[in-house]
Amino acid sequence: MLEIIPTSESAVVCRLPPPASLENQQRFWAFATHLREYSRIREVVVGMNNVTVFVHYPVDFTRLAADLKKTWQKTTALDYQSRLVEIPVRYGGQWGEDLTEVAAFHHTTPENIVALHTQPVYTVFMIGFQAGFPYLGGLPESLHTPRRAEPRTLVPAGSVGIGGSQTGIYPFASPGGWRLIGHTSVPLFDKNQLPPTLLKTGDRVRFIAEKIDL
């Protein structure tokens, strides 16, 4: 059931109960495409298992909610013809400091963690947190790992990490609490390119193990 919650005088969040899934994200992508055709809607931002809708003020929230629910009921999941992007990763060592801990948490070896992490083809559910940071869906349940109890004050750009049920890549150096298992030299953001971000919503990603440092 779609829940619609006002967040300001001119915005609402439309969300589904967790967990997020590829089918839900595909439906939200299609939903956003439909909403962008409405003249009274200023902007639509797709998040994780939700969409934020910004409308022109003043707003009749009762009517808006009814229209949004009507549109949602008519919306079906949109299967994008997306790109497949391969990301080379050096796992473990100084760039993947948490690889051994992640392996211990799952009662297995670092080599098996790398094998499991490179097996799926992931989907970019959304871009957020940083410009170009991909939240990737499709992490095997056997790799779901809690975030660090104490976040690092500095995570190097290019770090590949696991946070809960997702995996992702840090485009820029920043604080962060995800478990770092590797590093890529592929830039995820380049201001001289158009668009500047390597990945976009709906893209598929496969990690390629270049090396495992233990």
N, C-alpha and C. Protein backbone atom coordinates (compact mmCIF):
# COMPACT_ATOMS: atom_id res chain seq x y z
N MET A 1 0.85 -1.20 0.00
CA MET A 1 0.00 0.00 0.00
C MET A 1 0.89 1.25 0.00
N LEU A 2 0.65 2.14 -0.95
CA LEU A 2 1.43 3.37 -1.04
C LEU A 2 1.00 4.33 0.05
N GLU A 3 1.99 4.80 0.81
CA GLU A 3 1.73 5.78 1.88
C GLU A 3 2.20 7.14 1.40
N ILE A 4 1.37 8.17 1.60
CA ILE A 4 1.70 9.52 1.15
C ILE A 4 1.76 10.44 2.37
N ILE A 5 2.93 11.08 2.57
CA ILE A 5 3.17 11.87 3.77
C ILE A 5 3.64 13.27 3.37
N PRO A 6 2.91 14.33 3.77
CA PRO A 6 3.40 15.70 3.52
C PRO A 6 4.69 15.95 4.29
N THR A 7 5.67 16.56 3.63
CA THR A 7 6.94 16.86 4.29
C THR A 7 7.20 18.37 4.37
N SER A 8 6.42 19.16 3.66
CA SER A 8 6.54 20.62 3.70
C SER A 8 5.25 21.20 3.14
N GLU A 9 5.22 22.51 2.97
CA GLU A 9 4.03 23.16 2.41
C GLU A 9 3.83 22.84 0.93
N SER A 10 4.85 22.28 0.30
CA SER A 10 4.73 22.01 -1.14
C SER A 10 5.41 20.70 -1.56
N ALA A 11 5.47 19.74 -0.65
CA ALA A 11 6.11 18.47 -1.00
C ALA A 11 5.50 17.32 -0.21
N VAL A 12 5.47 16.15 -0.85
CA VAL A 12 5.03 14.93 -0.19
C VAL A 12 5.99 13.80 -0.53
N VAL A 13 6.07 12.81 0.35
CA VAL A 13 6.82 11.59 0.08
C VAL A 13 5.83 10.46 -0.12
N CYS A 14 6.00 9.73 -1.21
CA CYS A 14 5.21 8.54 -1.50
C CYS A 14 6.11 7.34 -1.26
N ARG A 15 5.75 6.47 -0.34
CA ARG A 15 6.65 5.38 0.01
C ARG A 15 5.91 4.07 0.20
N LEU A 16 6.65 2.98 0.05
CA LEU A 16 6.16 1.63 0.29
C LEU A 16 6.82 1.06 1.54
N PRO A 17 6.20 0.10 2.20
CA PRO A 17 6.85 -0.54 3.35
C PRO A 17 8.13 -1.24 2.90
N PRO A 18 9.16 -1.29 3.77
CA PRO A 18 10.38 -2.02 3.43
C PRO A 18 10.10 -3.52 3.40
N PRO A 19 11.00 -4.28 2.75
CA PRO A 19 12.28 -3.85 2.18
C PRO A 19 12.13 -3.36 0.75
N ALA A 20 13.16 -2.65 0.29
CA ALA A 20 13.19 -2.24 -1.11
C ALA A 20 13.44 -3.45 -1.99
N SER A 21 12.93 -3.40 -3.21
CA SER A 21 13.15 -4.48 -4.17
C SER A 21 13.32 -3.88 -5.55
N LEU A 22 13.88 -4.64 -6.47
CA LEU A 22 14.06 -4.16 -7.83
C LEU A 22 12.71 -3.85 -8.47
N GLU A 23 11.72 -4.72 -8.26
CA GLU A 23 10.40 -4.48 -8.84
C GLU A 23 9.80 -3.18 -8.33
N ASN A 24 9.93 -2.91 -7.02
CA ASN A 24 9.41 -1.67 -6.46
C ASN A 24 10.12 -0.46 -7.06
N GLN A 25 11.46 -0.55 -7.17
CA GLN A 25 12.22 0.56 -7.74
C GLN A 25 11.81 0.81 -9.18
N GLN A 26 11.64 -0.26 -9.95
CA GLN A 26 11.23 -0.11 -11.35
C GLN A 26 9.87 0.54 -11.45
N ARG A 27 8.98 0.22 -10.52
CA ARG A 27 7.66 0.84 -10.53
C ARG A 27 7.75 2.32 -10.15
N PHE A 28 8.62 2.64 -9.20
CA PHE A 28 8.81 4.05 -8.82
C PHE A 28 9.42 4.84 -9.98
N TRP A 29 10.34 4.24 -10.74
CA TRP A 29 10.90 4.94 -11.90
C TRP A 29 9.80 5.28 -12.90
N ALA A 30 8.91 4.33 -13.16
CA ALA A 30 7.80 4.57 -14.08
C ALA A 30 6.84 5.61 -13.51
N PHE A 31 6.58 5.51 -12.21
CA PHE A 31 5.70 6.46 -11.52
C PHE A 31 6.24 7.89 -11.67
N ALA A 32 7.54 8.05 -11.46
CA ALA A 32 8.16 9.37 -11.58
C ALA A 32 8.04 9.90 -13.01
N THR A 33 8.21 9.03 -13.98
CA THR A 33 8.09 9.44 -15.39
C THR A 33 6.69 9.98 -15.68
N HIS A 34 5.66 9.32 -15.17
CA HIS A 34 4.28 9.80 -15.35
C HIS A 34 4.08 11.14 -14.66
N LEU A 35 4.59 11.27 -13.43
CA LEU A 35 4.34 12.49 -12.65
C LEU A 35 5.01 13.72 -13.28
N ARG A 36 6.13 13.52 -13.94
CA ARG A 36 6.83 14.66 -14.55
C ARG A 36 6.04 15.27 -15.70
N GLU A 37 4.99 14.60 -16.16
CA GLU A 37 4.17 15.15 -17.23
C GLU A 37 3.11 16.13 -16.70
N TYR A 38 2.92 16.19 -15.38
CA TYR A 38 1.90 17.05 -14.80
C TYR A 38 2.44 18.46 -14.59
N SER A 39 1.73 19.45 -15.07
CA SER A 39 2.20 20.83 -15.01
C SER A 39 2.29 21.36 -13.58
N ARG A 40 1.48 20.87 -12.68
CA ARG A 40 1.50 21.40 -11.30
C ARG A 40 2.63 20.81 -10.47
N ILE A 41 3.34 19.81 -11.01
CA ILE A 41 4.45 19.20 -10.30
C ILE A 41 5.76 19.82 -10.76
N ARG A 42 6.54 20.34 -9.80
CA ARG A 42 7.79 21.03 -10.12
C ARG A 42 8.96 20.06 -10.29
N GLU A 43 9.00 19.05 -9.43
CA GLU A 43 10.15 18.14 -9.44
C GLU A 43 9.75 16.81 -8.80
N VAL A 44 10.37 15.74 -9.28
CA VAL A 44 10.15 14.41 -8.72
C VAL A 44 11.52 13.79 -8.48
N VAL A 45 11.75 13.33 -7.25
CA VAL A 45 13.04 12.74 -6.89
C VAL A 45 12.81 11.31 -6.39
N VAL A 46 13.39 10.36 -7.09
CA VAL A 46 13.25 8.96 -6.70
C VAL A 46 14.29 8.61 -5.63
N GLY A 47 13.83 8.04 -4.52
CA GLY A 47 14.72 7.59 -3.46
C GLY A 47 14.68 6.09 -3.34
N MET A 48 15.10 5.59 -2.20
CA MET A 48 15.08 4.16 -1.94
C MET A 48 13.71 3.76 -1.43
N ASN A 49 12.94 3.09 -2.29
CA ASN A 49 11.60 2.63 -1.94
C ASN A 49 10.63 3.79 -1.74
N ASN A 50 10.93 4.95 -2.38
CA ASN A 50 10.05 6.10 -2.23
C ASN A 50 10.28 7.09 -3.36
N VAL A 51 9.37 8.03 -3.46
CA VAL A 51 9.49 9.16 -4.38
C VAL A 51 9.05 10.42 -3.64
N THR A 52 9.84 11.48 -3.76
CA THR A 52 9.45 12.78 -3.20
C THR A 52 8.92 13.65 -4.35
N VAL A 53 7.73 14.22 -4.12
CA VAL A 53 7.06 15.01 -5.15
C VAL A 53 6.96 16.46 -4.68
N PHE A 54 7.52 17.37 -5.46
CA PHE A 54 7.47 18.80 -5.15
C PHE A 54 6.46 19.46 -6.10
N VAL A 55 5.50 20.18 -5.53
CA VAL A 55 4.43 20.78 -6.33
C VAL A 55 4.42 22.29 -6.13
N HIS A 56 3.71 22.97 -7.02
CA HIS A 56 3.56 24.42 -6.89
C HIS A 56 2.62 24.77 -5.74
N TYR A 57 2.98 25.77 -4.98
CA TYR A 57 2.19 26.24 -3.84
C TYR A 57 1.12 27.21 -4.34
N PRO A 58 -0.10 27.23 -3.75
CA PRO A 58 -0.61 26.43 -2.63
C PRO A 58 -1.04 25.02 -3.07
N VAL A 59 -1.21 24.13 -2.07
CA VAL A 59 -1.48 22.72 -2.37
C VAL A 59 -2.73 22.25 -1.64
N ASP A 60 -3.59 21.57 -2.37
CA ASP A 60 -4.70 20.85 -1.75
C ASP A 60 -4.22 19.42 -1.56
N PHE A 61 -3.73 19.11 -0.34
CA PHE A 61 -3.10 17.82 -0.11
C PHE A 61 -4.06 16.65 -0.27
N THR A 62 -5.31 16.84 0.07
CA THR A 62 -6.29 15.76 -0.07
C THR A 62 -6.46 15.38 -1.54
N ARG A 63 -6.59 16.39 -2.38
CA ARG A 63 -6.73 16.14 -3.82
C ARG A 63 -5.44 15.58 -4.40
N LEU A 64 -4.30 16.14 -3.96
CA LEU A 64 -3.02 15.67 -4.46
C LEU A 64 -2.81 14.19 -4.13
N ALA A 65 -3.11 13.82 -2.89
CA ALA A 65 -2.94 12.42 -2.47
C ALA A 65 -3.82 11.50 -3.29
N ALA A 66 -5.03 11.93 -3.54
CA ALA A 66 -5.96 11.10 -4.33
C ALA A 66 -5.44 10.93 -5.76
N ASP A 67 -4.93 12.00 -6.35
CA ASP A 67 -4.40 11.92 -7.71
C ASP A 67 -3.15 11.04 -7.78
N LEU A 68 -2.29 11.17 -6.76
CA LEU A 68 -1.07 10.36 -6.74
C LEU A 68 -1.40 8.88 -6.62
N LYS A 69 -2.34 8.54 -5.75
CA LYS A 69 -2.72 7.14 -5.58
C LYS A 69 -3.36 6.58 -6.85
N LYS A 70 -4.14 7.41 -7.52
CA LYS A 70 -4.76 6.98 -8.77
C LYS A 70 -3.70 6.68 -9.83
N THR A 71 -2.71 7.57 -9.92
CA THR A 71 -1.63 7.37 -10.88
C THR A 71 -0.82 6.13 -10.53
N TRP A 72 -0.54 5.94 -9.24
CA TRP A 72 0.22 4.77 -8.79
C TRP A 72 -0.48 3.47 -9.16
N GLN A 73 -1.78 3.43 -8.99
CA GLN A 73 -2.53 2.20 -9.28
C GLN A 73 -2.46 1.85 -10.76
N LYS A 74 -2.27 2.84 -11.61
CA LYS A 74 -2.20 2.60 -13.05
C LYS A 74 -0.77 2.34 -13.53
N THR A 75 0.20 2.46 -12.61
CA THR A 75 1.61 2.36 -12.98
C THR A 75 2.11 0.93 -12.82
N THR A 76 2.81 0.44 -13.82
CA THR A 76 3.45 -0.87 -13.74
C THR A 76 4.97 -0.69 -13.78
N ALA A 77 5.67 -1.70 -13.31
CA ALA A 77 7.13 -1.63 -13.24
C ALA A 77 7.72 -1.39 -14.62
N LEU A 78 8.72 -0.51 -14.67
CA LEU A 78 9.38 -0.16 -15.92
C LEU A 78 10.72 -0.88 -15.99
N ASP A 79 10.88 -1.74 -16.96
CA ASP A 79 12.12 -2.50 -17.15
C ASP A 79 13.02 -1.73 -18.10
N TYR A 80 13.98 -1.00 -17.54
CA TYR A 80 14.89 -0.19 -18.35
C TYR A 80 15.81 -1.08 -19.19
N GLN A 81 16.13 -0.61 -20.38
CA GLN A 81 17.19 -1.22 -21.17
C GLN A 81 18.49 -0.56 -20.71
N SER A 82 19.03 -1.07 -19.63
CA SER A 82 20.13 -0.38 -18.96
C SER A 82 21.49 -0.85 -19.44
N ARG A 83 22.50 -0.06 -19.13
CA ARG A 83 23.89 -0.40 -19.46
C ARG A 83 24.43 -1.39 -18.43
N LEU A 84 25.39 -2.18 -18.84
CA LEU A 84 26.15 -3.01 -17.92
C LEU A 84 27.54 -2.40 -17.79
N VAL A 85 27.90 -2.00 -16.57
CA VAL A 85 29.19 -1.36 -16.31
C VAL A 85 30.01 -2.28 -15.41
N GLU A 86 31.21 -2.64 -15.87
CA GLU A 86 32.08 -3.48 -15.08
C GLU A 86 33.07 -2.61 -14.29
N ILE A 87 33.18 -2.89 -12.99
CA ILE A 87 34.02 -2.12 -12.10
C ILE A 87 35.13 -3.01 -11.55
N PRO A 88 36.39 -2.78 -11.93
CA PRO A 88 37.49 -3.57 -11.38
C PRO A 88 37.76 -3.16 -9.93
N VAL A 89 37.98 -4.15 -9.07
CA VAL A 89 38.17 -3.89 -7.64
C VAL A 89 39.38 -4.66 -7.13
N ARG A 90 40.17 -3.98 -6.31
CA ARG A 90 41.23 -4.63 -5.56
C ARG A 90 40.69 -4.85 -4.15
N TYR A 91 40.53 -6.09 -3.76
CA TYR A 91 39.89 -6.43 -2.50
C TYR A 91 40.92 -6.62 -1.38
N GLY A 92 40.51 -6.23 -0.16
CA GLY A 92 41.32 -6.46 1.02
C GLY A 92 42.47 -5.49 1.16
N GLY A 93 43.41 -5.82 2.08
CA GLY A 93 44.58 -4.98 2.28
C GLY A 93 44.22 -3.62 2.84
N GLN A 94 45.04 -2.63 2.54
CA GLN A 94 44.83 -1.29 3.08
C GLN A 94 43.58 -0.62 2.51
N TRP A 95 43.12 -1.09 1.35
CA TRP A 95 41.95 -0.48 0.73
C TRP A 95 40.65 -1.19 1.10
N GLY A 96 40.76 -2.36 1.65
CA GLY A 96 39.57 -3.10 2.06
C GLY A 96 39.76 -3.64 3.47
N GLU A 97 39.91 -2.72 4.41
CA GLU A 97 40.32 -3.07 5.76
C GLU A 97 39.34 -3.97 6.49
N ASP A 98 38.07 -3.96 6.06
CA ASP A 98 37.06 -4.74 6.78
C ASP A 98 36.80 -6.11 6.16
N LEU A 99 37.52 -6.46 5.11
CA LEU A 99 37.25 -7.72 4.42
C LEU A 99 37.38 -8.91 5.37
N THR A 100 38.44 -8.94 6.16
CA THR A 100 38.65 -10.05 7.08
C THR A 100 37.55 -10.11 8.14
N GLU A 101 37.13 -8.93 8.64
CA GLU A 101 36.07 -8.89 9.64
C GLU A 101 34.74 -9.35 9.05
N VAL A 102 34.47 -8.96 7.82
CA VAL A 102 33.23 -9.39 7.17
C VAL A 102 33.25 -10.91 7.00
N ALA A 103 34.39 -11.45 6.62
CA ALA A 103 34.50 -12.91 6.48
C ALA A 103 34.27 -13.60 7.82
N ALA A 104 34.85 -13.06 8.89
CA ALA A 104 34.67 -13.65 10.22
C ALA A 104 33.20 -13.57 10.65
N PHE A 105 32.55 -12.46 10.35
CA PHE A 105 31.14 -12.28 10.71
C PHE A 105 30.28 -13.36 10.06
N HIS A 106 30.63 -13.73 8.84
CA HIS A 106 29.84 -14.73 8.11
C HIS A 106 30.43 -16.14 8.20
N HIS A 107 31.44 -16.30 9.05
CA HIS A 107 32.05 -17.62 9.28
C HIS A 107 32.55 -18.25 7.98
N THR A 108 33.28 -17.45 7.23
CA THR A 108 33.82 -17.94 5.97
C THR A 108 35.17 -17.28 5.72
N THR A 109 35.71 -17.43 4.53
CA THR A 109 37.03 -16.89 4.20
C THR A 109 36.90 -15.59 3.40
N PRO A 110 37.93 -14.74 3.44
CA PRO A 110 37.91 -13.54 2.60
C PRO A 110 37.75 -13.87 1.12
N GLU A 111 38.37 -14.94 0.67
CA GLU A 111 38.25 -15.34 -0.74
C GLU A 111 36.80 -15.65 -1.11
N ASN A 112 36.08 -16.28 -0.18
CA ASN A 112 34.67 -16.60 -0.46
C ASN A 112 33.81 -15.35 -0.47
N ILE A 113 34.14 -14.38 0.40
CA ILE A 113 33.41 -13.11 0.39
C ILE A 113 33.58 -12.44 -0.97
N VAL A 114 34.80 -12.43 -1.49
CA VAL A 114 35.05 -11.82 -2.80
C VAL A 114 34.30 -12.57 -3.89
N ALA A 115 34.30 -13.89 -3.81
CA ALA A 115 33.58 -14.69 -4.82
C ALA A 115 32.09 -14.38 -4.80
N LEU A 116 31.53 -14.25 -3.60
CA LEU A 116 30.11 -13.95 -3.48
C LEU A 116 29.80 -12.53 -3.95
N HIS A 117 30.72 -11.59 -3.67
CA HIS A 117 30.48 -10.18 -4.02
C HIS A 117 30.58 -9.95 -5.52
N THR A 118 31.41 -10.72 -6.19
CA THR A 118 31.59 -10.52 -7.64
C THR A 118 30.65 -11.37 -8.48
N GLN A 119 29.87 -12.22 -7.83
CA GLN A 119 28.99 -13.12 -8.59
C GLN A 119 27.77 -12.42 -9.19
N PRO A 120 27.03 -11.57 -8.44
CA PRO A 120 25.79 -11.01 -8.99
C PRO A 120 26.04 -9.89 -10.00
N VAL A 121 24.99 -9.59 -10.75
CA VAL A 121 24.90 -8.35 -11.51
C VAL A 121 23.96 -7.45 -10.71
N TYR A 122 24.49 -6.34 -10.21
CA TYR A 122 23.73 -5.44 -9.35
C TYR A 122 22.96 -4.41 -10.19
N THR A 123 21.98 -3.78 -9.56
CA THR A 123 21.22 -2.70 -10.21
C THR A 123 21.33 -1.44 -9.36
N VAL A 124 21.57 -0.30 -10.01
CA VAL A 124 21.63 0.97 -9.29
C VAL A 124 20.20 1.38 -8.93
N PHE A 125 19.86 1.21 -7.65
CA PHE A 125 18.51 1.58 -7.19
C PHE A 125 18.34 3.09 -7.14
N MET A 126 19.39 3.79 -6.71
CA MET A 126 19.32 5.24 -6.64
C MET A 126 20.74 5.79 -6.52
N ILE A 127 20.87 7.09 -6.82
CA ILE A 127 22.11 7.83 -6.62
C ILE A 127 21.86 8.80 -5.47
N GLY A 128 22.74 8.77 -4.46
CA GLY A 128 22.51 9.66 -3.33
C GLY A 128 23.70 9.72 -2.42
N PHE A 129 23.55 10.45 -1.31
CA PHE A 129 24.59 10.65 -0.29
C PHE A 129 25.70 11.54 -0.82
N GLN A 130 26.33 11.15 -1.90
CA GLN A 130 27.30 11.96 -2.62
C GLN A 130 26.92 11.96 -4.10
N ALA A 131 27.41 12.96 -4.83
CA ALA A 131 27.17 12.97 -6.28
C ALA A 131 27.82 11.74 -6.90
N GLY A 132 26.99 10.87 -7.47
CA GLY A 132 27.51 9.68 -8.12
C GLY A 132 27.58 8.45 -7.25
N PHE A 133 27.18 8.55 -5.96
CA PHE A 133 27.24 7.37 -5.08
C PHE A 133 26.09 6.44 -5.43
N PRO A 134 26.41 5.20 -5.91
CA PRO A 134 25.35 4.28 -6.30
C PRO A 134 24.93 3.36 -5.14
N TYR A 135 23.65 3.36 -4.84
CA TYR A 135 23.10 2.37 -3.91
C TYR A 135 22.69 1.17 -4.76
N LEU A 136 23.41 0.06 -4.60
CA LEU A 136 23.24 -1.09 -5.47
C LEU A 136 22.37 -2.15 -4.83
N GLY A 137 21.33 -2.55 -5.52
CA GLY A 137 20.49 -3.64 -5.09
C GLY A 137 20.95 -4.95 -5.69
N GLY A 138 20.76 -6.04 -4.96
CA GLY A 138 21.13 -7.35 -5.46
C GLY A 138 22.21 -8.03 -4.66
N LEU A 139 22.61 -7.43 -3.51
CA LEU A 139 23.62 -8.06 -2.67
C LEU A 139 23.06 -9.36 -2.10
N PRO A 140 23.79 -10.48 -2.27
CA PRO A 140 23.29 -11.75 -1.72
C PRO A 140 23.04 -11.63 -0.21
N GLU A 141 22.00 -12.29 0.26
CA GLU A 141 21.66 -12.23 1.68
C GLU A 141 22.81 -12.74 2.53
N SER A 142 23.59 -13.65 2.00
CA SER A 142 24.73 -14.19 2.73
C SER A 142 25.84 -13.17 2.95
N LEU A 143 25.72 -11.97 2.34
CA LEU A 143 26.69 -10.90 2.54
C LEU A 143 26.12 -9.72 3.32
N HIS A 144 24.86 -9.77 3.70
CA HIS A 144 24.28 -8.68 4.47
C HIS A 144 25.05 -8.53 5.77
N THR A 145 25.60 -7.34 6.00
CA THR A 145 26.50 -7.11 7.14
C THR A 145 26.17 -5.76 7.78
N PRO A 146 26.04 -5.71 9.11
CA PRO A 146 25.74 -4.43 9.76
C PRO A 146 26.85 -3.40 9.52
N ARG A 147 26.47 -2.14 9.50
CA ARG A 147 27.45 -1.07 9.40
C ARG A 147 28.34 -1.05 10.65
N ARG A 148 29.44 -0.37 10.56
CA ARG A 148 30.34 -0.25 11.70
C ARG A 148 29.65 0.49 12.85
N ALA A 149 29.90 0.06 14.06
CA ALA A 149 29.33 0.74 15.23
C ALA A 149 29.86 2.16 15.34
N GLU A 150 31.11 2.36 14.93
CA GLU A 150 31.72 3.69 14.95
C GLU A 150 32.20 4.02 13.55
N PRO A 151 31.53 4.95 12.85
CA PRO A 151 31.94 5.28 11.47
C PRO A 151 33.37 5.81 11.41
N ARG A 152 34.02 5.59 10.29
CA ARG A 152 35.32 6.19 10.05
C ARG A 152 35.17 7.68 9.78
N THR A 153 36.16 8.44 10.21
CA THR A 153 36.13 9.88 9.92
C THR A 153 36.55 10.16 8.48
N LEU A 154 37.24 9.20 7.85
CA LEU A 154 37.66 9.40 6.46
C LEU A 154 37.67 8.07 5.72
N VAL A 155 36.84 7.98 4.71
CA VAL A 155 36.81 6.83 3.80
C VAL A 155 37.38 7.30 2.46
N PRO A 156 38.40 6.65 1.93
CA PRO A 156 39.01 7.10 0.67
C PRO A 156 38.05 7.02 -0.51
N ALA A 157 38.18 7.93 -1.44
CA ALA A 157 37.41 7.87 -2.68
C ALA A 157 37.72 6.57 -3.40
N GLY A 158 36.69 5.96 -3.97
CA GLY A 158 36.85 4.70 -4.68
C GLY A 158 36.64 3.48 -3.81
N SER A 159 36.39 3.68 -2.51
CA SER A 159 36.19 2.55 -1.61
C SER A 159 34.89 1.83 -1.94
N VAL A 160 34.96 0.49 -1.94
CA VAL A 160 33.80 -0.36 -2.16
C VAL A 160 33.39 -0.93 -0.80
N GLY A 161 32.13 -0.74 -0.44
CA GLY A 161 31.70 -1.16 0.88
C GLY A 161 30.37 -1.88 0.89
N ILE A 162 30.08 -2.46 2.06
CA ILE A 162 28.81 -3.11 2.32
C ILE A 162 28.17 -2.41 3.51
N GLY A 163 26.91 -2.03 3.35
CA GLY A 163 26.16 -1.41 4.45
C GLY A 163 24.80 -2.07 4.56
N GLY A 164 24.64 -2.98 5.53
CA GLY A 164 23.37 -3.67 5.66
C GLY A 164 23.13 -4.61 4.48
N SER A 165 22.04 -4.35 3.75
CA SER A 165 21.66 -5.22 2.63
C SER A 165 22.11 -4.66 1.28
N GLN A 166 22.99 -3.65 1.30
CA GLN A 166 23.40 -3.03 0.04
C GLN A 166 24.92 -2.93 -0.04
N THR A 167 25.37 -2.74 -1.26
CA THR A 167 26.78 -2.45 -1.51
C THR A 167 26.86 -1.19 -2.36
N GLY A 168 27.99 -0.52 -2.30
CA GLY A 168 28.13 0.73 -3.04
C GLY A 168 29.57 1.16 -3.11
N ILE A 169 29.80 2.31 -3.78
CA ILE A 169 31.14 2.84 -4.01
C ILE A 169 31.15 4.32 -3.64
N TYR A 170 32.16 4.73 -2.86
CA TYR A 170 32.30 6.14 -2.48
C TYR A 170 33.00 6.91 -3.60
N PRO A 171 32.31 7.87 -4.24
CA PRO A 171 32.98 8.66 -5.29
C PRO A 171 34.02 9.63 -4.73
N PHE A 172 33.79 10.12 -3.49
CA PHE A 172 34.66 11.10 -2.88
C PHE A 172 35.08 10.63 -1.49
N ALA A 173 36.20 11.14 -1.02
CA ALA A 173 36.62 10.88 0.35
C ALA A 173 35.64 11.57 1.30
N SER A 174 35.23 10.84 2.34
CA SER A 174 34.26 11.39 3.29
C SER A 174 34.19 10.49 4.51
N PRO A 175 33.55 10.93 5.59
CA PRO A 175 33.24 10.01 6.67
C PRO A 175 32.27 8.94 6.17
N GLY A 176 32.28 7.78 6.83
CA GLY A 176 31.36 6.72 6.40
C GLY A 176 31.40 5.53 7.33
N GLY A 177 30.28 4.83 7.40
CA GLY A 177 30.17 3.70 8.31
C GLY A 177 30.02 2.35 7.64
N TRP A 178 30.13 2.30 6.31
CA TRP A 178 30.01 1.01 5.63
C TRP A 178 31.28 0.20 5.83
N ARG A 179 31.14 -1.13 5.72
CA ARG A 179 32.29 -2.03 5.83
C ARG A 179 33.07 -2.01 4.52
N LEU A 180 34.32 -1.61 4.59
CA LEU A 180 35.13 -1.46 3.39
C LEU A 180 35.78 -2.80 3.04
N ILE A 181 35.49 -3.28 1.83
CA ILE A 181 36.04 -4.59 1.42
C ILE A 181 36.98 -4.46 0.23
N GLY A 182 37.03 -3.29 -0.41
CA GLY A 182 37.90 -3.15 -1.57
C GLY A 182 37.97 -1.73 -2.06
N HIS A 183 38.61 -1.55 -3.22
CA HIS A 183 38.80 -0.22 -3.79
C HIS A 183 38.88 -0.33 -5.30
N THR A 184 38.33 0.67 -5.98
CA THR A 184 38.43 0.75 -7.44
C THR A 184 39.10 2.06 -7.84
N SER A 185 39.86 2.01 -8.90
CA SER A 185 40.50 3.22 -9.43
C SER A 185 39.62 3.92 -10.47
N VAL A 186 38.46 3.33 -10.76
CA VAL A 186 37.55 3.93 -11.75
C VAL A 186 36.85 5.14 -11.12
N PRO A 187 36.98 6.33 -11.71
CA PRO A 187 36.30 7.51 -11.14
C PRO A 187 34.80 7.45 -11.37
N LEU A 188 34.04 7.69 -10.31
CA LEU A 188 32.58 7.70 -10.41
C LEU A 188 32.03 9.09 -10.69
N PHE A 189 32.88 10.12 -10.55
CA PHE A 189 32.45 11.48 -10.84
C PHE A 189 33.59 12.23 -11.51
N ASP A 190 33.28 12.86 -12.63
CA ASP A 190 34.26 13.64 -13.37
C ASP A 190 33.57 14.90 -13.88
N LYS A 191 33.93 16.02 -13.31
CA LYS A 191 33.26 17.28 -13.66
C LYS A 191 33.47 17.68 -15.11
N ASN A 192 34.46 17.10 -15.76
CA ASN A 192 34.75 17.44 -17.16
C ASN A 192 33.94 16.60 -18.15
N GLN A 193 33.19 15.62 -17.62
CA GLN A 193 32.36 14.78 -18.48
C GLN A 193 30.90 15.22 -18.41
N LEU A 194 30.11 14.84 -19.40
CA LEU A 194 28.69 15.14 -19.42
C LEU A 194 27.93 13.86 -19.80
N PRO A 195 27.18 13.27 -18.86
CA PRO A 195 27.02 13.71 -17.48
C PRO A 195 28.26 13.43 -16.66
N PRO A 196 28.44 14.11 -15.53
CA PRO A 196 29.66 13.94 -14.73
C PRO A 196 29.71 12.64 -13.95
N THR A 197 28.56 11.99 -13.76
CA THR A 197 28.52 10.74 -12.99
C THR A 197 28.65 9.54 -13.91
N LEU A 198 29.43 8.56 -13.48
CA LEU A 198 29.62 7.36 -14.29
C LEU A 198 28.34 6.54 -14.38
N LEU A 199 27.63 6.41 -13.24
CA LEU A 199 26.45 5.55 -13.17
C LEU A 199 25.18 6.37 -13.03
N LYS A 200 24.09 5.78 -13.46
CA LYS A 200 22.79 6.42 -13.29
C LYS A 200 21.79 5.35 -12.83
N THR A 201 20.66 5.82 -12.33
CA THR A 201 19.62 4.92 -11.86
C THR A 201 19.22 3.93 -12.95
N GLY A 202 19.15 2.65 -12.57
CA GLY A 202 18.78 1.61 -13.52
C GLY A 202 19.94 0.89 -14.16
N ASP A 203 21.16 1.48 -14.09
CA ASP A 203 22.33 0.80 -14.65
C ASP A 203 22.59 -0.51 -13.91
N ARG A 204 23.20 -1.45 -14.61
CA ARG A 204 23.63 -2.71 -13.99
C ARG A 204 25.14 -2.65 -13.78
N VAL A 205 25.59 -3.24 -12.68
CA VAL A 205 27.00 -3.18 -12.31
C VAL A 205 27.50 -4.59 -11.97
N ARG A 206 28.67 -4.91 -12.50
CA ARG A 206 29.34 -6.16 -12.12
C ARG A 206 30.74 -5.80 -11.61
N PHE A 207 31.10 -6.33 -10.44
CA PHE A 207 32.43 -6.12 -9.89
C PHE A 207 33.37 -7.21 -10.40
N ILE A 208 34.57 -6.81 -10.81
CA ILE A 208 35.59 -7.72 -11.29
C ILE A 208 36.77 -7.68 -10.32
N ALA A 209 37.14 -8.82 -9.76
CA ALA A 209 38.25 -8.88 -8.81
C ALA A 209 39.59 -8.81 -9.54
N GLU A 210 40.32 -7.71 -9.34
CA GLU A 210 41.66 -7.58 -9.93
C GLU A 210 42.69 -8.32 -9.08
N LYS A 211 42.52 -8.21 -7.75
CA LYS A 211 43.49 -8.80 -6.83
C LYS A 211 42.86 -8.90 -5.46
N ILE A 212 43.32 -9.86 -4.65
CA ILE A 212 42.90 -9.97 -3.27
C ILE A 212 44.14 -9.86 -2.40
N ASP A 213 44.18 -8.82 -1.56
CA ASP A 213 45.29 -8.63 -0.63
C ASP A 213 44.85 -9.07 0.76
N LEU A 214 45.61 -9.93 1.38
CA LEU A 214 45.26 -10.43 2.72
C LEU A 214 46.34 -10.03 3.73
